[in-house]
Amino acid sequence: MKTFTVIVYSDAGHAWGKVKRQVLVNLGIAHKISSYSYQYKDNVYLEEDCDLSLLHDALLKSDTNIKFVEKHTNNMSRIRSYEHYSVRSNLLDHMFPDNLSNLTIYSTESAAS
């Protein structure tokens, strides 16, 4: 059986498990993650109460053990300043991984003469 290691960051009030966004996509649970989790670049910080359990259950179903490594701060965690997780931004990042500035949106309305 394989082992997947998750670093769990905590402060005085809460904790989050850090995973790569692609792991959630590969396990088919990206759409189940709540907005109580956070995201920064290609990492997602799963909140400890529900979302981290989703990861745990999905890994067990894929015949993978999970190992937690804890890192605690007595200060407020910087994770709290990250963007809240959203499936929409996750899907856009997955569909358009490069710079979106080249994306052209076409209108179906005809231009006025």
C-alpha atoms as a PDB file:
ATOM      1  CA  MET A   1       0.000   0.000   0.000  1.00  0.00           C
ATOM      2  CA  LYS A   2       1.272   3.474  -0.911  1.00  0.00           C
ATOM      3  CA  THR A   3       1.552   6.326   1.587  1.00  0.00           C
ATOM      4  CA  PHE A   4       0.604   9.933   0.837  1.00  0.00           C
ATOM      5  CA  THR A   5       2.074  12.586   3.152  1.00  0.00           C
ATOM      6  CA  VAL A   6       0.104  15.732   4.010  1.00  0.00           C
ATOM      7  CA  ILE A   7       1.636  18.658   5.875  1.00  0.00           C
ATOM      8  CA  VAL A   8      -0.955  20.049   8.279  1.00  0.00           C
ATOM      9  CA  TYR A   9      -0.463  23.699   9.222  1.00  0.00           C
ATOM     10  CA  SER A  10      -2.230  24.952  12.337  1.00  0.00           C
ATOM     11  CA  ASP A  11      -2.601  28.067  14.416  1.00  0.00           C
ATOM     12  CA  ALA A  12      -4.446  28.568  17.689  1.00  0.00           C
ATOM     13  CA  GLY A  13      -7.869  28.299  16.048  1.00  0.00           C
ATOM     14  CA  HIS A  14      -7.721  26.026  13.030  1.00  0.00           C
ATOM     15  CA  ALA A  15      -5.699  23.677  10.825  1.00  0.00           C
ATOM     16  CA  TRP A  16      -5.326  22.988   7.100  1.00  0.00           C
ATOM     17  CA  GLY A  17      -3.774  20.152   5.113  1.00  0.00           C
ATOM     18  CA  LYS A  18      -1.707  21.228   2.113  1.00  0.00           C
ATOM     19  CA  VAL A  19      -2.119  19.300  -1.150  1.00  0.00           C
ATOM     20  CA  LYS A  20      -1.502  20.013  -4.801  1.00  0.00           C
ATOM     21  CA  ARG A  21      -4.673  21.016  -6.643  1.00  0.00           C
ATOM     22  CA  GLN A  22      -4.099  18.250  -9.194  1.00  0.00           C
ATOM     23  CA  VAL A  23      -4.347  15.610  -6.451  1.00  0.00           C
ATOM     24  CA  LEU A  24      -7.943  16.697  -5.813  1.00  0.00           C
ATOM     25  CA  VAL A  25      -8.705  16.554  -9.531  1.00  0.00           C
ATOM     26  CA  ASN A  26      -7.087  13.131  -9.903  1.00  0.00           C
ATOM     27  CA  LEU A  27      -9.077  11.755  -6.955  1.00  0.00           C
ATOM     28  CA  GLY A  28     -12.323  13.222  -8.343  1.00  0.00           C
ATOM     29  CA  ILE A  29     -13.053  15.339  -5.261  1.00  0.00           C
ATOM     30  CA  ALA A  30     -12.127  18.852  -6.445  1.00  0.00           C
ATOM     31  CA  HIS A  31     -15.817  19.741  -6.811  1.00  0.00           C
ATOM     32  CA  LYS A  32     -16.585  18.582  -3.244  1.00  0.00           C
ATOM     33  CA  ILE A  33     -14.144  20.910  -1.467  1.00  0.00           C
ATOM     34  CA  SER A  34     -15.798  23.752   0.456  1.00  0.00           C
ATOM     35  CA  SER A  35     -15.001  27.450   0.444  1.00  0.00           C
ATOM     36  CA  TYR A  36     -13.719  27.026   4.020  1.00  0.00           C
ATOM     37  CA  SER A  37     -10.510  25.753   2.437  1.00  0.00           C
ATOM     38  CA  TYR A  38      -7.971  28.087   0.873  1.00  0.00           C
ATOM     39  CA  GLN A  39      -5.890  28.134  -2.299  1.00  0.00           C
ATOM     40  CA  TYR A  40      -2.577  29.665  -3.264  1.00  0.00           C
ATOM     41  CA  LYS A  41      -0.969  29.027  -6.647  1.00  0.00           C
ATOM     42  CA  ASP A  42      -1.282  25.288  -7.330  1.00  0.00           C
ATOM     43  CA  ASN A  43      -1.770  24.347  -3.660  1.00  0.00           C
ATOM     44  CA  VAL A  44      -5.014  23.880  -1.775  1.00  0.00           C
ATOM     45  CA  TYR A  45      -5.151  24.091   2.021  1.00  0.00           C
ATOM     46  CA  LEU A  46      -7.963  21.773   3.080  1.00  0.00           C
ATOM     47  CA  GLU A  47      -9.784  22.801   6.244  1.00  0.00           C
ATOM     48  CA  GLU A  48      -9.531  20.201   8.956  1.00  0.00           C
ATOM     49  CA  ASP A  49     -13.192  19.611   9.801  1.00  0.00           C
ATOM     50  CA  CYS A  50     -14.659  18.308   6.533  1.00  0.00           C
ATOM     51  CA  ASP A  51     -12.430  18.793   3.520  1.00  0.00           C
ATOM     52  CA  LEU A  52      -9.395  17.011   4.936  1.00  0.00           C
ATOM     53  CA  SER A  53     -11.675  14.059   5.717  1.00  0.00           C
ATOM     54  CA  LEU A  54     -12.773  13.971   2.063  1.00  0.00           C
ATOM     55  CA  LEU A  55      -9.139  13.638   1.041  1.00  0.00           C
ATOM     56  CA  HIS A  56      -8.531  10.964   3.672  1.00  0.00           C
ATOM     57  CA  ASP A  57     -11.515   8.889   2.521  1.00  0.00           C
ATOM     58  CA  ALA A  58     -10.628   9.245  -1.177  1.00  0.00           C
ATOM     59  CA  LEU A  59      -7.044   8.130  -0.541  1.00  0.00           C
ATOM     60  CA  LEU A  60      -8.186   5.093   1.431  1.00  0.00           C
ATOM     61  CA  LYS A  61     -10.527   4.134  -1.421  1.00  0.00           C
ATOM     62  CA  SER A  62      -7.543   4.316  -3.784  1.00  0.00           C
ATOM     63  CA  ASP A  63      -5.607   1.930  -1.520  1.00  0.00           C
ATOM     64  CA  THR A  64      -3.325   4.683  -0.177  1.00  0.00           C
ATOM     65  CA  ASN A  65      -2.473   5.380   3.453  1.00  0.00           C
ATOM     66  CA  ILE A  66      -2.223   8.957   4.643  1.00  0.00           C
ATOM     67  CA  LYS A  67       0.512  10.328   6.883  1.00  0.00           C
ATOM     68  CA  PHE A  68       0.100  13.689   8.603  1.00  0.00           C
ATOM     69  CA  VAL A  69       3.071  15.905   9.468  1.00  0.00           C
ATOM     70  CA  GLU A  70       2.056  18.765  11.758  1.00  0.00           C
ATOM     71  CA  LYS A  71       3.450  22.304  11.715  1.00  0.00           C
ATOM     72  CA  HIS A  72       2.069  24.739  14.293  1.00  0.00           C
ATOM     73  CA  THR A  73       2.410  28.472  14.790  1.00  0.00           C
ATOM     74  CA  ASN A  74       1.347  30.454  17.845  1.00  0.00           C
ATOM     75  CA  ASN A  75       0.640  33.401  15.533  1.00  0.00           C
ATOM     76  CA  MET A  76      -2.214  33.712  13.054  1.00  0.00           C
ATOM     77  CA  SER A  77      -1.448  31.494  10.060  1.00  0.00           C
ATOM     78  CA  ARG A  78      -0.775  33.250   6.761  1.00  0.00           C
ATOM     79  CA  ILE A  79      -3.087  30.661   5.180  1.00  0.00           C
ATOM     80  CA  ARG A  80      -5.999  32.774   6.461  1.00  0.00           C
ATOM     81  CA  SER A  81      -4.927  35.525   4.024  1.00  0.00           C
ATOM     82  CA  TYR A  82      -5.078  33.249   0.968  1.00  0.00           C
ATOM     83  CA  GLU A  83      -7.997  33.169  -1.461  1.00  0.00           C
ATOM     84  CA  HIS A  84     -10.890  30.925  -0.448  1.00  0.00           C
ATOM     85  CA  TYR A  85     -11.125  27.772  -2.524  1.00  0.00           C
ATOM     86  CA  SER A  86     -13.630  27.763  -5.340  1.00  0.00           C
ATOM     87  CA  VAL A  87     -14.412  25.058  -7.836  1.00  0.00           C
ATOM     88  CA  ARG A  88     -14.885  27.658 -10.547  1.00  0.00           C
ATOM     89  CA  SER A  89     -11.345  29.009 -10.277  1.00  0.00           C
ATOM     90  CA  ASN A  90     -10.066  25.441  -9.995  1.00  0.00           C
ATOM     91  CA  LEU A  91     -11.772  24.461 -13.248  1.00  0.00           C
ATOM     92  CA  LEU A  92     -10.588  27.591 -15.072  1.00  0.00           C
ATOM     93  CA  ASP A  93      -7.016  26.979 -13.942  1.00  0.00           C
ATOM     94  CA  HIS A  94      -7.294  23.395 -15.166  1.00  0.00           C
ATOM     95  CA  MET A  95      -8.836  24.378 -18.524  1.00  0.00           C
ATOM     96  CA  PHE A  96      -6.624  27.432 -19.154  1.00  0.00           C
ATOM     97  CA  PRO A  97      -3.351  26.872 -17.312  1.00  0.00           C
ATOM     98  CA  ASP A  98      -1.473  29.553 -19.227  1.00  0.00           C
ATOM     99  CA  ASN A  99      -1.962  33.298 -19.281  1.00  0.00           C
ATOM    100  CA  LEU A 100      -5.635  34.101 -19.841  1.00  0.00           C
ATOM    101  CA  SER A 101      -4.830  37.482 -21.414  1.00  0.00           C
ATOM    102  CA  ASN A 102      -4.754  35.830 -24.857  1.00  0.00           C
ATOM    103  CA  LEU A 103      -8.311  34.551 -24.467  1.00  0.00           C
ATOM    104  CA  THR A 104     -10.688  36.264 -26.913  1.00  0.00           C
ATOM    105  CA  ILE A 105     -14.402  36.303 -26.233  1.00  0.00           C
ATOM    106  CA  TYR A 106     -16.603  36.590 -29.297  1.00  0.00           C
ATOM    107  CA  SER A 107     -19.983  38.279 -29.286  1.00  0.00           C
ATOM    108  CA  THR A 108     -22.954  36.880 -31.177  1.00  0.00           C
ATOM    109  CA  GLU A 109     -24.395  40.377 -31.552  1.00  0.00           C
ATOM    110  CA  SER A 110     -23.748  42.125 -34.860  1.00  0.00           C
ATOM    111  CA  ALA A 111     -21.907  45.403 -34.755  1.00  0.00           C
ATOM    112  CA  ALA A 112     -23.962  48.548 -35.433  1.00  0.00           C
ATOM    113  CA  SER A 113     -23.136  50.251 -38.757  1.00  0.00           C
END
